[in-house]
Amino acid sequence: MRTIIHISRLVVGNLFVFSGLVKLNDPLGFSYKLEEYFIEFGMNWEWLHSILIPLAAALCIAEIVLGIAVLVGYKMKQTSWLLLLMIVFFTILTFASAVFEIVRSCGCFGDAIPLTPWESFMKDIILLVLILFLFLNRNRIVSFPDRNFDLIYFVISAINMFLLSYMLEWYMPLYLMLIILGVNLALKFSRKRNFAAPSSTWISAALSLFIGIYAIENLPFKDFRPYAVGKSLPDQMVLPPGAQEPVYENILTYENKKTGEEKEFTSAEFTESKIWEDTDWEWKSTDNKLIVEGDLPKITDFSIVSHSGSDMTGIFLEMERLIIIVSNDLSATEESVWDDLKKLVVDGTKHDIVTIVLSPATWEEVQAFVEKHDLPMQIYITDGIVLKTIVRSNPGIVYLEKGTVMGKWHYNNLPTINQLK
């Protein structure tokens, strides 16, 4: 029994901390996923959408804090109830998503580890079983009186986070776990061992809050999307050599003229049956059925289109140096930074750097915006969802050299022309 409790605590604690931190790395992206769920479930309430970003950050922080509380054994009666409520809610959500195909990716681990709805549901089922076990044994889980157990938890959790961090090439999960459980361990080996569990839990809350605020006011610490710095957009818009091509099969449908019965045949079955020799059967249709899904390019929906309808994508991605100002919604953009952006455009022109604006806005909206801010740059059309994926800022700045992303900036940290040079 004790062994199962230890395993459950380690799995649930580590997974909650990792899952929460990966999403807290990009709270704006997680808020987009929540918005998608709310819209699909008919919860299109204005007040709910107005608090999406703080709600997304709060959920991520709660995951991290609850994960740490499980590992250090802090207030397990309350913690187990919160864990159970959270996992029940997300299990119902992922089940509905999988059955009714509401969303294609659950967002459980952000963009770092995409999961299908069914994969996410199975993950939640496993967690639900483990959390139920912890809930039923919540009275037996307390802060360890023997500090050697804290040392064992520290080592196992550090190894887990190292492996996950190594896989993602992002070591913040490891550093966060080392700091928090390190504080817990240090206090356990001091004279203030009674403060170890509450101190480490509250430190996890403070650190998580700082990470969330920083990620909202800047860009994510780690960009897991195909538009990250160093990525070539043209290369990711085509399939690499050796990629799996889709496999289709011809399905022939024949109908019996006397009975009205219909039969479907694959090409091989059709040849073997020789049904064409039977005059009672006549051909109705031939369809191509997808047998094996092929690989897709990492970028499938990026385009730059002028308001006259011309596709300018290839032209701009071949430019030596290009500044893209991204605004997924001109009506909600940060108005105060556009004067600074105009200065950046003027300075860039002196160094042969072209600047364009990408937005899903209509021609009328663009004209009104250009006149209001006296903008010296052209605005082109790109899908708003794609723009939200490119940069988590409105407006945001992306600097390309021949289609390769060399830099990205939040409007709170606009680059100077010297940084671009």
Protein backbone atom coordinates (compact mmCIF):
# COMPACT_ATOMS: atom_id res chain seq x y z
CA MET A 1 0.00 0.00 0.00
CA ARG A 2 2.74 2.47 0.93
CA THR A 3 4.62 1.69 -2.27
CA ILE A 4 1.51 2.43 -4.38
CA ILE A 5 1.00 5.70 -2.48
CA HIS A 6 4.60 6.73 -3.18
CA ILE A 7 4.31 5.86 -6.88
CA SER A 8 1.01 7.74 -7.16
CA ARG A 9 2.44 10.82 -5.46
CA LEU A 10 5.52 10.87 -7.68
CA VAL A 11 3.59 10.37 -10.93
CA VAL A 12 0.81 12.83 -10.12
CA GLY A 13 3.13 15.44 -8.59
CA ASN A 14 5.70 15.40 -11.38
CA LEU A 15 3.12 15.31 -14.15
CA PHE A 16 1.11 18.19 -12.70
CA VAL A 17 4.22 20.35 -12.26
CA PHE A 18 5.45 19.57 -15.77
CA SER A 19 2.07 20.04 -17.43
CA GLY A 20 1.40 23.29 -15.59
CA LEU A 21 4.81 24.76 -16.36
CA VAL A 22 4.74 23.85 -20.06
CA LYS A 23 1.41 25.67 -20.41
CA LEU A 24 2.49 28.55 -18.14
CA ASN A 25 5.41 29.07 -20.52
CA ASP A 26 2.76 30.28 -22.98
CA PRO A 27 -0.39 31.35 -21.08
CA LEU A 28 -1.67 33.33 -24.06
CA GLY A 29 -1.55 30.19 -26.21
CA PHE A 30 -3.36 28.21 -23.50
CA SER A 31 -6.03 30.93 -23.36
CA TYR A 32 -6.61 30.43 -27.10
CA LYS A 33 -7.18 26.73 -26.45
CA LEU A 34 -9.61 27.48 -23.61
CA GLU A 35 -11.45 29.90 -25.87
CA GLU A 36 -11.76 27.16 -28.48
CA TYR A 37 -13.28 24.81 -25.91
CA PHE A 38 -15.68 27.45 -24.58
CA ILE A 39 -16.93 28.34 -28.06
CA GLU A 40 -17.46 24.69 -28.99
CA PHE A 41 -19.40 24.07 -25.78
CA GLY A 42 -21.62 27.11 -26.37
CA MET A 43 -20.06 29.12 -23.53
CA ASN A 44 -19.58 32.21 -25.65
CA TRP A 45 -20.09 34.62 -22.77
CA GLU A 46 -18.44 38.02 -22.95
CA TRP A 47 -17.42 38.10 -19.27
CA LEU A 48 -15.77 34.68 -19.58
CA HIS A 49 -13.76 35.66 -22.64
CA SER A 50 -12.66 38.87 -20.91
CA ILE A 51 -10.83 36.87 -18.21
CA LEU A 52 -9.37 34.17 -20.46
CA ILE A 53 -5.71 35.11 -20.00
CA PRO A 54 -5.72 35.37 -16.18
CA LEU A 55 -7.91 32.25 -16.04
CA ALA A 56 -5.43 30.32 -18.20
CA ALA A 57 -2.51 31.46 -16.05
CA ALA A 58 -4.38 30.65 -12.82
CA LEU A 59 -5.12 27.09 -13.98
CA CYS A 60 -1.45 26.54 -14.84
CA ILE A 61 -0.28 27.94 -11.49
CA ALA A 62 -2.81 25.75 -9.69
CA GLU A 63 -1.42 22.66 -11.45
CA ILE A 64 2.14 23.48 -10.39
CA VAL A 65 1.22 24.28 -6.78
CA LEU A 66 -0.93 21.17 -6.40
CA GLY A 67 1.83 19.04 -7.90
CA ILE A 68 4.36 20.37 -5.38
CA ALA A 69 1.88 19.99 -2.51
CA VAL A 70 1.48 16.30 -3.39
CA LEU A 71 5.24 15.76 -3.47
CA VAL A 72 5.88 17.44 -0.11
CA GLY A 73 2.67 16.27 1.59
CA TYR A 74 1.17 19.71 2.31
CA LYS A 75 -2.51 19.95 3.38
CA MET A 76 -3.41 16.74 1.55
CA LYS A 77 -7.09 16.85 2.54
CA GLN A 78 -7.60 20.10 0.67
CA THR A 79 -5.06 19.24 -2.02
CA SER A 80 -6.66 15.88 -2.80
CA TRP A 81 -10.10 17.49 -3.17
CA LEU A 82 -8.74 20.11 -5.57
CA LEU A 83 -6.83 17.49 -7.54
CA LEU A 84 -9.94 15.33 -7.84
CA LEU A 85 -12.16 18.20 -8.97
CA MET A 86 -9.61 19.33 -11.52
CA ILE A 87 -8.98 15.89 -13.02
CA VAL A 88 -12.72 15.07 -13.17
CA PHE A 89 -13.37 18.32 -15.01
CA PHE A 90 -10.58 17.74 -17.53
CA THR A 91 -11.48 14.06 -18.00
CA ILE A 92 -15.05 15.01 -18.92
CA LEU A 93 -13.71 17.75 -21.19
CA THR A 94 -11.26 15.50 -23.05
CA PHE A 95 -13.84 12.70 -23.34
CA ALA A 96 -16.37 15.04 -24.94
CA SER A 97 -13.63 16.46 -27.15
CA ALA A 98 -12.60 12.99 -28.32
CA VAL A 99 -16.12 11.63 -28.90
CA PHE A 100 -17.54 14.69 -30.62
CA GLU A 101 -14.24 15.73 -32.27
CA ILE A 102 -14.47 19.21 -30.79
CA VAL A 103 -10.76 20.04 -31.01
CA ARG A 104 -7.86 18.27 -32.71
CA SER A 105 -5.29 18.85 -29.96
CA CYS A 106 -6.15 19.10 -26.27
CA GLY A 107 -3.41 21.55 -25.30
CA CYS A 108 -2.56 19.54 -22.15
CA PHE A 109 1.15 20.07 -22.71
CA GLY A 110 0.86 23.23 -24.83
CA ASP A 111 2.73 23.15 -28.14
CA ALA A 112 5.57 21.15 -26.60
CA ILE A 113 3.91 17.72 -26.75
CA PRO A 114 0.77 17.73 -28.95
CA LEU A 115 -1.73 15.06 -27.94
CA THR A 116 -4.84 13.93 -29.78
CA PRO A 117 -8.09 14.10 -27.79
CA TRP A 118 -8.11 10.31 -27.31
CA GLU A 119 -4.48 10.29 -26.13
CA SER A 120 -5.32 13.08 -23.72
CA PHE A 121 -8.40 11.23 -22.46
CA MET A 122 -6.37 8.08 -21.75
CA LYS A 123 -3.78 10.19 -19.91
CA ASP A 124 -6.55 11.74 -17.80
CA ILE A 125 -8.04 8.32 -17.03
CA ILE A 126 -4.69 7.12 -15.66
CA LEU A 127 -4.34 10.29 -13.60
CA LEU A 128 -7.92 9.95 -12.38
CA VAL A 129 -7.21 6.46 -11.04
CA LEU A 130 -4.02 7.62 -9.29
CA ILE A 131 -5.67 10.72 -7.83
CA LEU A 132 -8.66 8.69 -6.61
CA PHE A 133 -6.22 6.43 -4.81
CA LEU A 134 -4.52 9.45 -3.22
CA PHE A 135 -7.91 10.90 -2.32
CA LEU A 136 -8.98 7.72 -0.54
CA ASN A 137 -5.69 7.66 1.36
CA ARG A 138 -5.43 11.41 1.96
CA ASN A 139 -5.40 11.02 5.74
CA ARG A 140 -2.25 8.91 5.52
CA ILE A 141 -0.27 11.42 3.47
CA VAL A 142 1.64 14.00 5.49
CA SER A 143 5.00 15.72 5.33
CA PHE A 144 7.66 13.05 5.80
CA PRO A 145 9.00 12.82 9.38
CA ASP A 146 12.00 10.97 7.93
CA ARG A 147 13.89 13.45 5.74
CA ASN A 148 15.48 10.58 3.82
CA PHE A 149 12.17 10.17 1.99
CA ASP A 150 12.36 13.83 0.96
CA LEU A 151 15.82 13.14 -0.44
CA ILE A 152 14.48 10.16 -2.42
CA TYR A 153 11.60 12.26 -3.80
CA PHE A 154 14.08 15.01 -4.68
CA VAL A 155 16.33 12.62 -6.63
CA ILE A 156 13.51 10.82 -8.48
CA SER A 157 11.74 14.08 -9.38
CA ALA A 158 15.02 15.63 -10.55
CA ILE A 159 15.71 12.65 -12.81
CA ASN A 160 12.18 12.79 -14.24
CA MET A 161 12.42 16.50 -14.96
CA PHE A 162 15.88 16.13 -16.44
CA LEU A 163 14.63 13.52 -18.91
CA LEU A 164 11.60 15.62 -19.86
CA SER A 165 13.70 18.79 -20.12
CA TYR A 166 16.28 17.01 -22.25
CA MET A 167 13.54 15.79 -24.58
CA LEU A 168 12.21 19.34 -25.00
CA GLU A 169 15.65 20.99 -25.02
CA TRP A 170 14.25 23.32 -22.36
CA TYR A 171 15.50 23.01 -18.80
CA MET A 172 13.15 25.28 -16.87
CA PRO A 173 11.11 22.28 -15.55
CA LEU A 174 14.30 20.83 -14.10
CA TYR A 175 15.45 24.14 -12.57
CA LEU A 176 12.04 24.83 -11.04
CA MET A 177 11.85 21.38 -9.46
CA LEU A 178 15.42 21.63 -8.13
CA ILE A 179 14.75 25.02 -6.54
CA ILE A 180 11.44 24.12 -4.90
CA LEU A 181 12.28 20.62 -3.68
CA GLY A 182 15.77 21.86 -2.82
CA VAL A 183 14.27 24.43 -0.45
CA ASN A 184 12.07 21.73 1.04
CA LEU A 185 15.06 19.44 1.53
CA ALA A 186 17.26 22.20 3.00
CA LEU A 187 14.61 23.12 5.55
CA LYS A 188 14.14 19.47 6.46
CA PHE A 189 17.84 19.20 7.29
CA SER A 190 17.70 22.40 9.36
CA ARG A 191 15.96 23.19 12.61
CA LYS A 192 12.90 24.54 10.74
CA ARG A 193 11.68 21.27 9.31
CA ASN A 194 8.06 22.08 10.20
CA PHE A 195 8.19 24.97 7.73
CA ALA A 196 9.52 22.83 4.86
CA ALA A 197 6.24 21.72 3.25
CA PRO A 198 4.35 25.04 3.53
CA SER A 199 7.40 27.09 2.53
CA SER A 200 8.14 25.05 -0.60
CA THR A 201 4.45 25.08 -1.61
CA TRP A 202 4.17 28.86 -1.24
CA ILE A 203 7.49 29.36 -3.04
CA SER A 204 6.11 27.31 -5.94
CA ALA A 205 3.10 29.66 -6.03
CA ALA A 206 5.32 32.77 -6.02
CA LEU A 207 7.68 31.47 -8.70
CA SER A 208 4.76 30.31 -10.87
CA LEU A 209 3.09 33.70 -10.57
CA PHE A 210 6.32 35.43 -11.64
CA ILE A 211 6.77 33.07 -14.61
CA GLY A 212 3.16 33.59 -15.71
CA ILE A 213 3.30 37.40 -15.52
CA TYR A 214 6.63 37.48 -17.35
CA ALA A 215 5.35 35.19 -20.12
CA ILE A 216 2.23 37.33 -20.58
CA GLU A 217 4.12 40.62 -20.65
CA ASN A 218 6.85 39.24 -22.93
CA LEU A 219 7.10 36.23 -25.23
CA PRO A 220 7.19 32.58 -24.11
CA PHE A 221 10.47 31.45 -22.56
CA LYS A 222 10.63 28.59 -25.07
CA ASP A 223 8.94 28.71 -28.47
CA PHE A 224 7.82 25.23 -29.53
CA ARG A 225 6.07 26.40 -32.70
CA PRO A 226 7.36 26.20 -36.29
CA TYR A 227 7.80 29.98 -36.31
CA ALA A 228 10.48 29.95 -33.61
CA VAL A 229 13.76 31.84 -33.98
CA GLY A 230 16.13 29.90 -36.22
CA LYS A 231 13.37 28.16 -38.18
CA SER A 232 13.14 28.46 -41.96
CA LEU A 233 9.55 29.07 -43.04
CA PRO A 234 10.03 27.98 -46.69
CA ASP A 235 11.69 24.71 -45.61
CA GLN A 236 8.78 23.91 -43.29
CA MET A 237 6.17 24.63 -45.97
CA VAL A 238 7.24 21.60 -48.02
CA LEU A 239 7.57 17.93 -47.12
CA PRO A 240 11.12 16.78 -46.38
CA PRO A 241 12.68 13.94 -48.42
CA GLY A 242 11.43 10.52 -47.36
CA ALA A 243 8.15 11.81 -45.93
CA GLN A 244 5.16 9.46 -45.98
CA GLU A 245 2.88 10.12 -48.93
CA PRO A 246 -0.86 9.55 -48.45
CA VAL A 247 -2.14 6.18 -49.69
CA TYR A 248 -5.50 5.98 -51.44
CA GLU A 249 -7.51 3.00 -52.70
CA ASN A 250 -10.20 2.88 -55.35
CA ILE A 251 -13.57 1.72 -54.02
CA LEU A 252 -16.05 0.63 -56.71
CA THR A 253 -19.75 0.49 -55.87
CA TYR A 254 -22.11 -1.82 -57.81
CA GLU A 255 -25.89 -2.11 -57.48
CA ASN A 256 -28.07 -5.14 -58.13
CA LYS A 257 -30.76 -4.06 -60.63
CA LYS A 258 -33.28 -6.57 -59.30
CA THR A 259 -32.90 -6.26 -55.53
CA GLY A 260 -31.35 -2.80 -55.16
CA GLU A 261 -28.52 -4.27 -53.05
CA GLU A 262 -25.24 -2.38 -53.17
CA LYS A 263 -21.74 -3.82 -52.79
CA GLU A 264 -18.38 -2.13 -52.45
CA PHE A 265 -15.19 -3.60 -53.90
CA THR A 266 -11.55 -2.72 -53.61
CA SER A 267 -9.54 -2.99 -56.83
CA ALA A 268 -8.31 -6.46 -55.86
CA GLU A 269 -11.78 -7.64 -54.82
CA PHE A 270 -13.27 -6.27 -58.02
CA THR A 271 -10.82 -8.21 -60.18
CA GLU A 272 -11.35 -11.40 -58.19
CA SER A 273 -15.16 -11.19 -58.20
CA LYS A 274 -15.54 -10.57 -61.95
CA ILE A 275 -18.83 -8.92 -61.10
CA TRP A 276 -18.85 -7.06 -64.40
CA GLU A 277 -19.71 -10.37 -66.08
CA ASP A 278 -22.99 -10.56 -64.13
CA THR A 279 -25.62 -8.56 -66.04
CA ASP A 280 -27.74 -8.19 -62.87
CA TRP A 281 -25.13 -5.83 -61.43
CA GLU A 282 -24.31 -2.37 -62.73
CA TRP A 283 -21.64 0.13 -61.77
CA LYS A 284 -22.73 3.11 -59.67
CA SER A 285 -19.61 5.00 -58.58
CA THR A 286 -15.87 4.91 -57.98
CA ASP A 287 -14.41 6.71 -54.98
CA ASN A 288 -10.89 7.29 -53.69
CA LYS A 289 -10.66 6.24 -50.03
CA LEU A 290 -7.79 7.39 -47.84
CA ILE A 291 -6.10 4.29 -46.42
CA VAL A 292 -2.94 5.77 -44.87
CA GLU A 293 -2.64 9.42 -43.88
CA GLY A 294 0.50 11.00 -45.24
CA ASP A 295 2.83 13.40 -43.49
CA LEU A 296 2.03 17.10 -43.62
CA PRO A 297 4.45 20.01 -43.75
CA LYS A 298 4.89 21.69 -40.37
CA ILE A 299 3.49 24.89 -41.88
CA THR A 300 0.40 24.41 -44.04
CA ASP A 301 -1.63 27.58 -43.67
CA PHE A 302 0.78 30.53 -43.84
CA SER A 303 0.24 32.96 -46.68
CA ILE A 304 0.65 36.65 -47.43
CA VAL A 305 -2.06 38.03 -49.71
CA SER A 306 -2.60 41.57 -50.90
CA HIS A 307 -6.06 43.11 -50.66
CA SER A 308 -6.26 42.87 -54.45
CA GLY A 309 -5.95 39.08 -54.15
CA SER A 310 -2.32 38.58 -55.19
CA ASP A 311 -0.33 35.91 -53.35
CA MET A 312 2.85 37.62 -52.15
CA THR A 313 4.14 34.80 -49.92
CA GLY A 314 7.02 33.68 -52.12
CA ILE A 315 8.18 37.22 -52.84
CA PHE A 316 8.44 38.24 -49.19
CA LEU A 317 10.00 34.99 -48.01
CA GLU A 318 12.82 35.44 -50.54
CA MET A 319 13.73 38.93 -49.33
CA GLU A 320 17.18 39.48 -47.84
CA ARG A 321 15.83 41.33 -44.80
CA LEU A 322 12.20 41.71 -43.81
CA ILE A 323 10.43 43.10 -40.75
CA ILE A 324 6.93 41.73 -40.25
CA ILE A 325 4.66 43.58 -37.84
CA VAL A 326 1.99 41.09 -36.80
CA SER A 327 -1.44 42.19 -35.60
CA ASN A 328 -4.04 39.45 -35.27
CA ASP A 329 -6.70 42.11 -34.51
CA LEU A 330 -6.19 45.77 -35.41
CA SER A 331 -9.15 46.80 -33.25
CA ALA A 332 -7.49 45.30 -30.15
CA THR A 333 -3.87 46.21 -30.89
CA GLU A 334 -1.71 48.15 -28.41
CA GLU A 335 -2.17 51.63 -29.88
CA SER A 336 0.64 53.30 -27.93
CA VAL A 337 3.49 51.45 -29.69
CA TRP A 338 2.71 52.31 -33.30
CA ASP A 339 4.68 55.56 -33.23
CA ASP A 340 7.75 53.58 -32.13
CA LEU A 341 7.03 51.04 -34.85
CA LYS A 342 6.95 53.81 -37.45
CA LYS A 343 10.39 54.94 -36.29
CA LEU A 344 11.65 51.36 -36.64
CA VAL A 345 10.27 51.25 -40.18
CA VAL A 346 11.99 54.50 -41.14
CA ASP A 347 15.30 53.37 -39.63
CA GLY A 348 14.97 50.02 -41.37
CA THR A 349 14.48 51.67 -44.75
CA LYS A 350 17.86 53.35 -44.38
CA HIS A 351 19.41 49.90 -44.09
CA ASP A 352 17.42 48.29 -46.95
CA ILE A 353 15.09 46.45 -44.58
CA VAL A 354 11.56 46.11 -45.94
CA THR A 355 8.66 46.30 -43.48
CA ILE A 356 5.13 44.98 -43.90
CA VAL A 357 2.15 44.49 -41.60
CA LEU A 358 0.14 41.26 -41.53
CA SER A 359 -3.44 41.32 -40.33
CA PRO A 360 -6.77 39.60 -41.13
CA ALA A 361 -8.46 43.05 -41.27
CA THR A 362 -10.71 44.08 -44.14
CA TRP A 363 -9.69 46.77 -46.63
CA GLU A 364 -11.95 49.33 -44.93
CA GLU A 365 -10.47 48.57 -41.50
CA VAL A 366 -6.96 48.80 -42.92
CA GLN A 367 -7.60 52.16 -44.57
CA ALA A 368 -9.04 53.61 -41.36
CA PHE A 369 -6.09 52.31 -39.34
CA VAL A 370 -3.48 53.61 -41.80
CA GLU A 371 -5.04 57.07 -41.80
CA LYS A 372 -5.33 57.15 -38.02
CA HIS A 373 -1.65 56.30 -37.44
CA ASP A 374 -0.20 57.71 -40.69
CA LEU A 375 1.57 54.41 -41.37
CA PRO A 376 4.36 54.29 -43.97
CA MET A 377 4.02 50.53 -44.62
CA GLN A 378 1.74 48.20 -46.53
CA ILE A 379 -0.74 45.92 -44.74
CA TYR A 380 -1.34 42.44 -46.15
CA ILE A 381 -3.78 39.67 -45.29
CA THR A 382 -2.89 36.59 -43.23
CA ASP A 383 -5.31 34.39 -41.31
CA GLY A 384 -5.80 35.60 -37.73
CA ILE A 385 -5.29 32.18 -36.16
CA VAL A 386 -1.98 31.82 -37.99
CA LEU A 387 -0.90 35.24 -36.74
CA LYS A 388 -1.70 34.22 -33.16
CA THR A 389 0.54 31.21 -33.71
CA ILE A 390 3.42 33.20 -35.18
CA VAL A 391 3.89 35.57 -32.24
CA ARG A 392 2.07 35.93 -28.91
CA SER A 393 1.77 39.68 -29.07
CA ASN A 394 -0.55 42.23 -30.70
CA PRO A 395 1.35 43.80 -32.30
CA GLY A 396 4.41 41.59 -32.44
CA ILE A 397 7.58 41.89 -34.50
CA VAL A 398 9.22 39.14 -36.52
CA TYR A 399 12.51 39.67 -38.38
CA LEU A 400 13.27 37.39 -41.35
CA GLU A 401 16.30 36.90 -43.56
CA LYS A 402 15.39 34.95 -46.70
CA GLY A 403 12.48 33.35 -44.86
CA THR A 404 14.44 32.34 -41.76
CA VAL A 405 13.25 33.77 -38.44
CA MET A 406 16.16 35.72 -36.94
CA GLY A 407 14.29 37.43 -34.11
CA LYS A 408 10.88 37.90 -32.48
CA TRP A 409 9.75 40.62 -30.07
CA HIS A 410 6.78 41.50 -27.90
CA TYR A 411 5.55 45.09 -28.17
CA ASN A 412 6.85 45.63 -24.63
CA ASN A 413 10.38 44.94 -25.90
CA LEU A 414 10.61 46.52 -29.34
CA PRO A 415 14.01 46.01 -31.03
CA THR A 416 16.29 48.79 -32.19
CA ILE A 417 17.67 48.89 -35.69
CA ASN A 418 21.09 48.00 -34.27
CA GLN A 419 19.65 44.76 -32.89
CA LEU A 420 18.35 43.88 -36.33
CA LYS A 421 21.64 44.78 -38.00
